């Protein structure tokens, strides 16, 4: 995916009566409402980079709604962290063995909860982890920030409950996991 470069011009599609504070943008980019961006920066949270203004050039309304003012948005990117998905404690199905220890994504088919390797997370509040492509992971501090400021258009799911199974394969079977002498799973 190529990097989205300025000038940042966006078209929004409004499905409800209000605009969201958090919008998935093209590629890995995110759009934050000006309110969310200012509050994020005031809270000194970490993990987002950029904060470039975006120009809303068009709004498509999917339902008859009042003509409400369009908020201003900032374009940001979540950082790519050195945090790593713990393959031995995660319930992830792969079509091929993982051979690249950097990306850890070879043939990822389904996820039925995952864990992070102890000691790899450096404290970012929002980030992307190696082994979980396309997913933004947040800290408890970020989740509390969202709740305390009533920020909208985000669904927060604990990582151990996260499910992505587009082919409906179900969780990996126990036959894919071996145990070590101390009972810990081993890939």
N, C-alpha and C. Protein backbone atom coordinates (compact mmCIF):
# COMPACT_ATOMS: atom_id res chain seq x y z
N UNK A 1 0.85 -1.18 0.00
CA UNK A 1 0.00 0.00 0.00
C UNK A 1 0.89 1.23 0.00
N UNK A 2 0.62 2.12 -0.92
CA UNK A 2 1.39 3.36 -0.97
C UNK A 2 0.95 4.30 0.14
N UNK A 3 1.85 5.17 0.57
CA UNK A 3 1.56 6.14 1.61
C UNK A 3 0.68 7.25 1.05
N UNK A 4 -0.35 7.63 1.79
CA UNK A 4 -1.23 8.72 1.41
C UNK A 4 -0.50 10.03 1.69
N UNK A 5 -0.33 10.85 0.67
CA UNK A 5 0.43 12.09 0.81
C UNK A 5 -0.50 13.30 0.69
N UNK A 6 -0.10 14.44 1.28
CA UNK A 6 -0.92 15.65 1.17
C UNK A 6 -0.99 16.14 -0.27
N UNK A 7 -2.01 16.90 -0.60
CA UNK A 7 -3.07 17.40 0.27
C UNK A 7 -4.08 16.29 0.56
N UNK A 8 -4.56 16.27 1.79
CA UNK A 8 -5.50 15.25 2.22
C UNK A 8 -6.93 15.74 1.97
N UNK A 9 -7.57 15.16 0.97
CA UNK A 9 -8.94 15.51 0.64
C UNK A 9 -9.79 14.26 0.82
N UNK A 10 -10.90 14.42 1.53
CA UNK A 10 -11.71 13.24 1.86
C UNK A 10 -13.17 13.44 1.48
N UNK A 11 -13.81 12.32 1.17
CA UNK A 11 -15.25 12.26 1.01
C UNK A 11 -15.77 11.39 2.14
N UNK A 12 -16.78 11.87 2.84
CA UNK A 12 -17.36 11.14 3.95
C UNK A 12 -18.73 10.59 3.55
N UNK A 13 -19.09 9.47 4.15
CA UNK A 13 -20.39 8.88 3.95
C UNK A 13 -21.05 8.82 5.32
N UNK A 14 -22.13 9.54 5.49
CA UNK A 14 -22.82 9.63 6.78
C UNK A 14 -23.99 8.65 6.79
N UNK A 15 -23.92 7.63 7.65
CA UNK A 15 -24.98 6.61 7.73
C UNK A 15 -25.99 6.92 8.82
N UNK A 16 -25.59 7.61 9.84
CA UNK A 16 -26.49 7.94 10.93
C UNK A 16 -26.77 9.43 10.96
N UNK A 17 -27.03 9.92 12.16
CA UNK A 17 -27.34 11.35 12.27
C UNK A 17 -26.13 12.19 12.64
N UNK A 18 -25.06 11.55 13.12
CA UNK A 18 -23.86 12.28 13.56
C UNK A 18 -22.60 11.72 12.91
N UNK A 19 -21.61 12.57 12.76
CA UNK A 19 -20.30 12.15 12.28
C UNK A 19 -19.54 11.49 13.43
N UNK A 20 -18.70 10.51 13.11
CA UNK A 20 -17.90 9.84 14.13
C UNK A 20 -16.63 10.60 14.45
N UNK A 21 -16.11 10.34 15.65
CA UNK A 21 -14.83 10.93 16.06
C UNK A 21 -13.65 10.17 15.47
N UNK A 22 -13.87 8.94 15.07
CA UNK A 22 -12.82 8.04 14.62
C UNK A 22 -13.29 7.40 13.32
N UNK A 23 -12.50 7.55 12.24
CA UNK A 23 -12.89 7.01 10.94
C UNK A 23 -11.69 6.31 10.33
N UNK A 24 -11.90 5.12 9.80
CA UNK A 24 -10.84 4.40 9.07
C UNK A 24 -10.63 5.10 7.75
N UNK A 25 -9.38 5.46 7.48
CA UNK A 25 -9.04 6.13 6.24
C UNK A 25 -8.43 5.16 5.25
N UNK A 26 -7.91 5.65 4.14
CA UNK A 26 -7.27 4.77 3.16
C UNK A 26 -5.96 4.19 3.70
N UNK A 27 -5.65 2.97 3.28
CA UNK A 27 -4.42 2.32 3.75
C UNK A 27 -4.45 2.12 5.25
N UNK A 28 -3.39 2.51 5.92
CA UNK A 28 -3.30 2.38 7.38
C UNK A 28 -3.72 3.65 8.09
N UNK A 29 -4.12 4.67 7.33
CA UNK A 29 -4.42 5.96 7.95
C UNK A 29 -5.76 5.95 8.69
N UNK A 30 -5.86 6.85 9.64
CA UNK A 30 -7.07 7.05 10.43
C UNK A 30 -7.42 8.53 10.37
N UNK A 31 -8.70 8.82 10.51
CA UNK A 31 -9.16 10.20 10.60
C UNK A 31 -9.72 10.40 12.00
N UNK A 32 -9.23 11.43 12.68
CA UNK A 32 -9.73 11.78 14.00
C UNK A 32 -10.45 13.11 13.89
N UNK A 33 -11.60 13.21 14.55
CA UNK A 33 -12.26 14.51 14.59
C UNK A 33 -11.31 15.48 15.29
N UNK A 34 -11.47 16.74 14.99
CA UNK A 34 -10.62 17.75 15.64
C UNK A 34 -10.74 17.65 17.16
N UNK A 35 -11.95 17.40 17.66
CA UNK A 35 -12.17 17.23 19.10
C UNK A 35 -11.34 16.08 19.66
N UNK A 36 -11.38 14.93 18.96
CA UNK A 36 -10.61 13.78 19.43
C UNK A 36 -9.12 14.04 19.35
N UNK A 37 -8.66 14.64 18.25
CA UNK A 37 -7.23 14.92 18.07
C UNK A 37 -6.71 15.83 19.17
N UNK A 38 -7.42 16.91 19.47
CA UNK A 38 -6.98 17.85 20.52
C UNK A 38 -6.95 17.16 21.88
N UNK A 39 -7.99 16.39 22.17
CA UNK A 39 -8.05 15.71 23.47
C UNK A 39 -6.94 14.67 23.58
N UNK A 40 -6.68 13.92 22.50
CA UNK A 40 -5.60 12.93 22.47
C UNK A 40 -4.27 13.60 22.79
N UNK A 41 -3.98 14.70 22.12
CA UNK A 41 -2.71 15.40 22.34
C UNK A 41 -2.63 15.99 23.75
N UNK A 42 -3.73 16.52 24.27
CA UNK A 42 -3.74 17.06 25.64
C UNK A 42 -3.51 15.99 26.69
N UNK A 43 -3.97 14.76 26.41
CA UNK A 43 -3.81 13.65 27.35
C UNK A 43 -2.40 13.05 27.28
N UNK A 44 -1.60 13.50 26.31
CA UNK A 44 -0.24 12.99 26.10
C UNK A 44 -0.21 11.48 25.88
N UNK A 45 -1.18 11.00 25.10
CA UNK A 45 -1.18 9.60 24.70
C UNK A 45 -0.13 9.40 23.61
N UNK A 46 0.23 8.16 23.36
CA UNK A 46 1.29 7.86 22.39
C UNK A 46 0.83 6.86 21.35
N UNK A 47 1.54 6.85 20.22
CA UNK A 47 1.31 5.83 19.19
C UNK A 47 0.78 6.36 17.88
N UNK A 48 0.19 7.55 17.87
CA UNK A 48 -0.30 8.13 16.62
C UNK A 48 0.71 9.15 16.12
N UNK A 49 0.94 9.14 14.82
CA UNK A 49 1.87 10.10 14.23
C UNK A 49 1.17 10.82 13.07
N UNK A 50 1.62 12.01 12.80
CA UNK A 50 1.09 12.78 11.68
C UNK A 50 0.36 14.02 12.13
N UNK A 51 -0.95 13.91 12.36
CA UNK A 51 -1.83 15.02 12.73
C UNK A 51 -1.78 16.12 11.67
N UNK A 52 -2.24 15.74 10.46
CA UNK A 52 -2.33 16.67 9.34
C UNK A 52 -3.80 16.96 9.08
N UNK A 53 -4.15 18.22 8.83
CA UNK A 53 -5.56 18.54 8.56
C UNK A 53 -6.02 17.93 7.24
N UNK A 54 -7.28 17.52 7.22
CA UNK A 54 -7.90 16.97 6.01
C UNK A 54 -9.02 17.90 5.58
N UNK A 55 -9.18 18.04 4.27
CA UNK A 55 -10.25 18.86 3.73
C UNK A 55 -11.41 17.94 3.32
N UNK A 56 -12.59 18.16 3.89
CA UNK A 56 -13.77 17.39 3.51
C UNK A 56 -14.34 18.05 2.26
N UNK A 57 -14.27 17.32 1.13
CA UNK A 57 -14.73 17.89 -0.13
C UNK A 57 -16.15 17.48 -0.49
N UNK A 58 -16.65 16.43 0.16
CA UNK A 58 -18.01 15.96 -0.13
C UNK A 58 -18.51 15.12 1.02
N UNK A 59 -19.81 15.22 1.27
CA UNK A 59 -20.47 14.36 2.26
C UNK A 59 -21.66 13.70 1.58
N UNK A 60 -21.67 12.38 1.60
CA UNK A 60 -22.82 11.61 1.10
C UNK A 60 -23.64 11.20 2.30
N UNK A 61 -24.91 11.47 2.25
CA UNK A 61 -25.81 11.10 3.35
C UNK A 61 -26.63 9.89 2.92
N UNK A 62 -26.56 8.82 3.70
CA UNK A 62 -27.26 7.58 3.36
C UNK A 62 -28.70 7.57 3.85
N UNK A 63 -29.04 8.46 4.75
CA UNK A 63 -30.41 8.58 5.26
C UNK A 63 -30.78 10.05 5.23
N UNK A 64 -32.06 10.28 5.10
CA UNK A 64 -32.51 11.68 5.19
C UNK A 64 -32.16 12.16 6.59
N UNK A 65 -31.36 13.19 6.69
CA UNK A 65 -30.96 13.69 7.99
C UNK A 65 -30.86 15.20 7.93
N UNK A 66 -30.86 15.78 9.08
CA UNK A 66 -30.69 17.22 9.15
C UNK A 66 -29.33 17.59 8.61
N UNK A 67 -29.21 18.73 8.04
CA UNK A 67 -27.91 19.21 7.55
C UNK A 67 -27.11 19.71 8.75
N UNK A 68 -26.34 18.82 9.33
CA UNK A 68 -25.51 19.20 10.47
C UNK A 68 -24.13 19.60 9.95
N UNK A 69 -23.44 20.42 10.71
CA UNK A 69 -22.10 20.85 10.32
C UNK A 69 -21.13 19.70 10.27
N UNK A 70 -20.25 19.73 9.32
CA UNK A 70 -19.23 18.70 9.17
C UNK A 70 -18.03 19.05 10.04
N UNK A 71 -17.61 18.13 10.91
CA UNK A 71 -16.44 18.42 11.74
C UNK A 71 -15.17 18.44 10.91
N UNK A 72 -14.15 19.04 11.45
CA UNK A 72 -12.83 18.99 10.82
C UNK A 72 -12.15 17.70 11.28
N UNK A 73 -11.32 17.16 10.39
CA UNK A 73 -10.62 15.91 10.70
C UNK A 73 -9.12 16.08 10.54
N UNK A 74 -8.39 15.26 11.29
CA UNK A 74 -6.93 15.18 11.22
C UNK A 74 -6.57 13.77 10.73
N UNK A 75 -5.59 13.69 9.85
CA UNK A 75 -5.09 12.41 9.34
C UNK A 75 -3.92 11.97 10.21
N UNK A 76 -3.99 10.74 10.73
CA UNK A 76 -2.92 10.18 11.56
C UNK A 76 -2.62 8.76 11.12
N UNK A 77 -1.49 8.27 11.55
CA UNK A 77 -1.10 6.87 11.34
C UNK A 77 -0.77 6.25 12.68
N UNK A 78 -1.23 5.01 12.93
CA UNK A 78 -0.77 4.31 14.13
C UNK A 78 0.64 3.81 13.90
N UNK A 79 1.47 3.85 14.91
CA UNK A 79 2.85 3.41 14.75
C UNK A 79 2.92 1.89 14.58
N UNK A 80 3.94 1.44 13.85
CA UNK A 80 4.23 0.02 13.76
C UNK A 80 5.19 -0.28 14.90
N UNK A 81 4.70 -1.02 15.86
CA UNK A 81 5.42 -1.27 17.10
C UNK A 81 6.35 -2.48 16.97
N UNK A 82 7.23 -2.62 17.93
CA UNK A 82 8.04 -3.83 18.05
C UNK A 82 7.31 -4.89 18.87
N UNK A 83 6.08 -4.59 19.27
CA UNK A 83 5.25 -5.54 19.99
C UNK A 83 4.96 -6.72 19.08
N UNK A 84 5.00 -7.93 19.64
CA UNK A 84 4.87 -9.15 18.85
C UNK A 84 3.72 -9.99 19.38
N UNK A 85 2.94 -10.56 18.47
CA UNK A 85 1.89 -11.51 18.84
C UNK A 85 2.55 -12.79 19.33
N UNK A 86 2.11 -13.27 20.48
CA UNK A 86 2.63 -14.51 21.05
C UNK A 86 1.89 -15.67 20.39
N UNK A 87 2.56 -16.34 19.48
CA UNK A 87 1.92 -17.41 18.71
C UNK A 87 1.60 -18.64 19.56
N UNK A 88 2.28 -18.81 20.66
CA UNK A 88 2.02 -19.98 21.49
C UNK A 88 0.80 -19.80 22.39
N UNK A 89 0.45 -18.56 22.71
CA UNK A 89 -0.71 -18.31 23.57
C UNK A 89 -1.91 -17.77 22.79
N UNK A 90 -1.78 -17.68 21.48
CA UNK A 90 -2.86 -17.14 20.65
C UNK A 90 -3.59 -18.28 19.94
N UNK A 91 -4.83 -18.01 19.60
CA UNK A 91 -5.64 -18.99 18.86
C UNK A 91 -5.78 -18.47 17.43
N UNK A 92 -4.73 -18.73 16.65
CA UNK A 92 -4.65 -18.24 15.28
C UNK A 92 -4.45 -19.43 14.34
N UNK A 93 -5.19 -19.45 13.24
CA UNK A 93 -5.07 -20.51 12.24
C UNK A 93 -4.29 -19.96 11.05
N UNK A 94 -3.27 -20.72 10.63
CA UNK A 94 -2.43 -20.36 9.48
C UNK A 94 -2.57 -21.43 8.42
N UNK A 95 -2.51 -21.03 7.15
CA UNK A 95 -2.52 -22.01 6.06
C UNK A 95 -1.11 -22.53 5.80
N UNK A 96 -0.11 -21.72 6.15
CA UNK A 96 1.29 -22.08 5.96
C UNK A 96 2.05 -21.84 7.25
N UNK A 97 3.15 -22.53 7.47
CA UNK A 97 3.95 -22.24 8.66
C UNK A 97 4.54 -20.83 8.60
N UNK A 98 4.60 -20.19 9.74
CA UNK A 98 5.20 -18.85 9.82
C UNK A 98 6.71 -19.02 9.77
N UNK A 99 7.33 -18.41 8.77
CA UNK A 99 8.78 -18.52 8.61
C UNK A 99 9.49 -17.20 8.83
N UNK A 100 8.77 -16.09 8.70
CA UNK A 100 9.38 -14.77 8.88
C UNK A 100 9.08 -14.27 10.29
N UNK A 101 10.11 -14.18 11.11
CA UNK A 101 9.92 -13.73 12.49
C UNK A 101 9.67 -12.23 12.58
N UNK A 102 9.86 -11.50 11.50
CA UNK A 102 9.58 -10.06 11.52
C UNK A 102 8.09 -9.79 11.32
N UNK A 103 7.48 -10.32 10.27
CA UNK A 103 6.07 -10.02 10.02
C UNK A 103 5.12 -11.01 10.70
N UNK A 104 5.50 -12.28 10.78
CA UNK A 104 4.73 -13.33 11.44
C UNK A 104 3.30 -13.47 10.92
N UNK A 105 3.11 -13.33 9.63
CA UNK A 105 1.74 -13.37 9.11
C UNK A 105 1.52 -14.38 8.00
N UNK A 106 2.41 -15.27 7.73
CA UNK A 106 2.29 -16.20 6.60
C UNK A 106 0.99 -16.99 6.65
N UNK A 107 0.11 -16.74 5.70
CA UNK A 107 -1.10 -17.53 5.59
C UNK A 107 -2.07 -17.39 6.74
N UNK A 108 -2.16 -16.22 7.35
CA UNK A 108 -3.10 -16.03 8.46
C UNK A 108 -4.52 -16.21 7.94
N UNK A 109 -5.27 -17.17 8.49
CA UNK A 109 -6.61 -17.46 8.02
C UNK A 109 -7.69 -17.01 8.99
N UNK A 110 -7.47 -17.26 10.28
CA UNK A 110 -8.48 -16.85 11.26
C UNK A 110 -7.83 -16.57 12.61
N UNK A 111 -8.50 -15.72 13.36
CA UNK A 111 -8.05 -15.35 14.70
C UNK A 111 -9.23 -15.55 15.64
N UNK A 112 -8.99 -16.26 16.73
CA UNK A 112 -10.02 -16.48 17.76
C UNK A 112 -9.43 -16.13 19.12
N UNK A 113 -8.93 -14.91 19.19
CA UNK A 113 -8.28 -14.42 20.40
C UNK A 113 -6.77 -14.53 20.25
N UNK A 114 -6.08 -13.51 20.79
CA UNK A 114 -4.62 -13.56 20.71
C UNK A 114 -4.02 -12.90 21.95
N UNK A 115 -2.72 -13.09 22.10
CA UNK A 115 -1.97 -12.52 23.22
C UNK A 115 -0.69 -11.90 22.65
N UNK A 116 -0.10 -11.01 23.43
CA UNK A 116 1.15 -10.37 23.04
C UNK A 116 2.30 -10.98 23.83
N UNK A 117 3.47 -11.07 23.18
CA UNK A 117 4.64 -11.61 23.86
C UNK A 117 5.06 -10.69 24.99
N UNK A 118 5.27 -11.27 26.15
CA UNK A 118 5.70 -10.52 27.32
C UNK A 118 7.02 -9.82 27.02
N UNK A 119 7.10 -8.56 27.42
CA UNK A 119 8.33 -7.80 27.29
C UNK A 119 8.53 -7.11 25.95
N UNK A 120 7.61 -7.32 24.97
CA UNK A 120 7.80 -6.68 23.66
C UNK A 120 7.05 -5.35 23.54
N UNK A 121 6.01 -5.14 24.34
CA UNK A 121 5.24 -3.90 24.27
C UNK A 121 5.98 -2.81 25.03
N UNK A 122 6.17 -1.66 24.39
CA UNK A 122 6.92 -0.55 24.98
C UNK A 122 6.02 0.54 25.55
N UNK A 123 4.73 0.30 25.66
CA UNK A 123 3.83 1.23 26.32
C UNK A 123 3.04 2.15 25.40
N UNK A 124 3.08 1.92 24.08
CA UNK A 124 2.30 2.75 23.17
C UNK A 124 0.81 2.60 23.52
N UNK A 125 0.05 3.69 23.32
CA UNK A 125 -1.38 3.64 23.62
C UNK A 125 -2.22 3.15 22.45
N UNK A 126 -1.72 3.29 21.23
CA UNK A 126 -2.36 2.73 20.05
C UNK A 126 -1.24 2.36 19.08
N UNK A 127 -1.32 1.15 18.51
CA UNK A 127 -0.21 0.66 17.69
C UNK A 127 -0.66 -0.53 16.85
N UNK A 128 0.24 -0.95 15.97
CA UNK A 128 0.06 -2.18 15.19
C UNK A 128 1.17 -3.14 15.63
N UNK A 129 0.79 -4.37 15.88
CA UNK A 129 1.75 -5.36 16.35
C UNK A 129 2.19 -6.28 15.22
N UNK A 130 3.41 -6.76 15.33
CA UNK A 130 3.91 -7.75 14.38
C UNK A 130 3.12 -9.05 14.59
N UNK A 131 2.55 -9.56 13.49
CA UNK A 131 1.77 -10.79 13.57
C UNK A 131 0.27 -10.55 13.56
N UNK A 132 -0.16 -9.29 13.58
CA UNK A 132 -1.59 -8.99 13.54
C UNK A 132 -1.81 -7.85 12.53
N UNK A 133 -1.68 -8.17 11.23
CA UNK A 133 -1.75 -7.12 10.21
C UNK A 133 -3.12 -6.46 10.15
N UNK A 134 -3.10 -5.16 9.94
CA UNK A 134 -4.34 -4.43 9.73
C UNK A 134 -5.16 -4.13 10.96
N UNK A 135 -4.69 -4.48 12.14
CA UNK A 135 -5.46 -4.24 13.36
C UNK A 135 -4.75 -3.24 14.24
N UNK A 136 -5.51 -2.27 14.70
CA UNK A 136 -4.99 -1.31 15.67
C UNK A 136 -5.23 -1.88 17.06
N UNK A 137 -4.20 -1.91 17.85
CA UNK A 137 -4.30 -2.42 19.22
C UNK A 137 -4.16 -1.22 20.15
N UNK A 138 -4.98 -1.19 21.19
CA UNK A 138 -4.95 -0.06 22.11
C UNK A 138 -4.67 -0.52 23.54
N UNK A 139 -4.16 0.42 24.33
CA UNK A 139 -3.90 0.17 25.74
C UNK A 139 -5.19 0.40 26.54
N UNK A 140 -5.18 -0.04 27.78
CA UNK A 140 -6.30 0.24 28.69
C UNK A 140 -6.44 1.74 28.86
N UNK A 141 -5.33 2.44 28.91
CA UNK A 141 -5.35 3.90 29.03
C UNK A 141 -6.10 4.53 27.86
N UNK A 142 -5.89 4.03 26.64
CA UNK A 142 -6.59 4.55 25.46
C UNK A 142 -8.09 4.23 25.56
N UNK A 143 -8.42 3.02 25.99
CA UNK A 143 -9.83 2.63 26.14
C UNK A 143 -10.52 3.54 27.16
N UNK A 144 -9.84 3.83 28.26
CA UNK A 144 -10.40 4.74 29.27
C UNK A 144 -10.57 6.15 28.71
N UNK A 145 -9.62 6.59 27.90
CA UNK A 145 -9.69 7.90 27.23
C UNK A 145 -10.94 7.98 26.35
N UNK A 146 -11.19 6.94 25.56
CA UNK A 146 -12.36 6.90 24.68
C UNK A 146 -13.65 6.97 25.50
N UNK A 147 -13.73 6.17 26.56
CA UNK A 147 -14.94 6.15 27.39
C UNK A 147 -15.15 7.46 28.13
N UNK A 148 -14.11 8.00 28.71
CA UNK A 148 -14.27 9.22 29.53
C UNK A 148 -14.62 10.45 28.70
N UNK A 149 -14.29 10.45 27.42
CA UNK A 149 -14.62 11.60 26.56
C UNK A 149 -15.78 11.30 25.61
N UNK A 150 -16.42 10.14 25.79
CA UNK A 150 -17.57 9.74 24.98
C UNK A 150 -17.28 9.87 23.49
N UNK A 151 -16.12 9.37 23.07
CA UNK A 151 -15.73 9.41 21.67
C UNK A 151 -16.50 8.34 20.90
N UNK A 152 -16.80 8.63 19.64
CA UNK A 152 -17.71 7.77 18.89
C UNK A 152 -17.05 7.08 17.70
N UNK A 153 -17.75 6.06 17.21
CA UNK A 153 -17.41 5.30 16.01
C UNK A 153 -16.22 4.37 16.21
N UNK A 154 -16.10 3.82 17.41
CA UNK A 154 -15.06 2.84 17.72
C UNK A 154 -15.69 1.66 18.42
N UNK A 155 -15.27 0.48 18.04
CA UNK A 155 -15.68 -0.74 18.73
C UNK A 155 -14.43 -1.30 19.38
N UNK A 156 -14.42 -1.36 20.69
CA UNK A 156 -13.25 -1.84 21.43
C UNK A 156 -13.54 -3.25 21.92
N UNK A 157 -12.65 -4.18 21.52
CA UNK A 157 -12.79 -5.60 21.87
C UNK A 157 -11.51 -6.05 22.55
N UNK A 158 -11.59 -6.68 23.72
CA UNK A 158 -10.36 -7.22 24.34
C UNK A 158 -9.69 -8.21 23.38
N UNK A 159 -8.34 -8.18 23.33
CA UNK A 159 -7.64 -9.00 22.34
C UNK A 159 -7.92 -10.50 22.52
N UNK A 160 -8.16 -10.94 23.74
CA UNK A 160 -8.43 -12.36 23.94
C UNK A 160 -9.82 -12.76 23.43
N UNK A 161 -10.68 -11.77 23.12
CA UNK A 161 -12.02 -12.03 22.59
C UNK A 161 -12.15 -11.67 21.11
N UNK A 162 -11.09 -11.13 20.52
CA UNK A 162 -11.15 -10.70 19.12
C UNK A 162 -11.27 -11.91 18.20
N UNK A 163 -12.24 -11.84 17.27
CA UNK A 163 -12.44 -12.91 16.30
C UNK A 163 -12.46 -12.32 14.90
N UNK A 164 -11.67 -12.91 14.03
CA UNK A 164 -11.70 -12.61 12.60
C UNK A 164 -11.59 -13.95 11.89
N UNK A 165 -12.69 -14.33 11.24
CA UNK A 165 -12.74 -15.63 10.60
C UNK A 165 -13.57 -15.52 9.31
N UNK A 166 -13.03 -14.81 8.28
CA UNK A 166 -13.81 -14.58 7.07
C UNK A 166 -14.20 -15.85 6.31
N UNK A 167 -13.40 -16.91 6.44
CA UNK A 167 -13.70 -18.16 5.74
C UNK A 167 -14.52 -19.13 6.60
N UNK A 168 -14.85 -18.71 7.82
CA UNK A 168 -15.63 -19.51 8.78
C UNK A 168 -14.99 -20.88 9.02
N UNK A 169 -13.69 -20.86 9.27
CA UNK A 169 -12.95 -22.09 9.52
C UNK A 169 -13.00 -22.52 10.97
N UNK A 170 -13.37 -21.60 11.84
CA UNK A 170 -13.38 -21.90 13.26
C UNK A 170 -12.00 -21.78 13.86
N UNK A 171 -11.93 -21.91 15.19
CA UNK A 171 -10.62 -21.80 15.85
C UNK A 171 -9.73 -22.98 15.47
N UNK A 172 -8.42 -22.79 15.63
CA UNK A 172 -7.51 -23.91 15.33
C UNK A 172 -7.80 -25.07 16.26
N UNK A 173 -7.59 -26.27 15.75
CA UNK A 173 -7.82 -27.45 16.58
C UNK A 173 -6.60 -27.69 17.45
N UNK A 174 -6.79 -28.46 18.50
CA UNK A 174 -5.68 -28.77 19.41
C UNK A 174 -4.57 -29.55 18.71
N UNK A 175 -4.90 -30.19 17.58
CA UNK A 175 -3.87 -30.97 16.89
C UNK A 175 -2.77 -30.08 16.30
N UNK A 176 -3.04 -28.78 16.18
CA UNK A 176 -2.02 -27.87 15.68
C UNK A 176 -1.05 -27.43 16.77
N UNK A 177 -1.36 -27.76 18.02
CA UNK A 177 -0.56 -27.27 19.15
C UNK A 177 0.03 -28.45 19.90
N UNK A 178 1.33 -28.39 20.17
CA UNK A 178 1.98 -29.40 21.00
C UNK A 178 2.25 -28.79 22.36
N UNK A 179 2.42 -29.59 23.37
CA UNK A 179 2.75 -29.08 24.69
C UNK A 179 4.20 -29.39 25.03
N UNK A 180 4.81 -28.48 25.75
CA UNK A 180 6.16 -28.71 26.26
C UNK A 180 6.04 -29.47 27.57
N UNK A 181 7.17 -29.83 28.17
CA UNK A 181 7.15 -30.59 29.42
C UNK A 181 6.46 -29.83 30.55
N UNK A 182 6.51 -28.49 30.53
CA UNK A 182 5.88 -27.74 31.62
C UNK A 182 4.42 -27.38 31.31
N UNK A 183 3.84 -27.93 30.23
CA UNK A 183 2.43 -27.72 29.92
C UNK A 183 2.12 -26.49 29.08
N UNK A 184 3.14 -25.69 28.76
CA UNK A 184 2.88 -24.50 27.92
C UNK A 184 2.71 -24.97 26.48
N UNK A 185 1.80 -24.31 25.73
CA UNK A 185 1.66 -24.65 24.32
C UNK A 185 2.93 -24.30 23.56
N UNK A 186 3.17 -25.02 22.51
CA UNK A 186 4.34 -24.76 21.68
C UNK A 186 3.91 -24.93 20.23
N UNK A 187 4.37 -24.05 19.35
CA UNK A 187 3.98 -24.19 17.94
C UNK A 187 4.90 -25.16 17.24
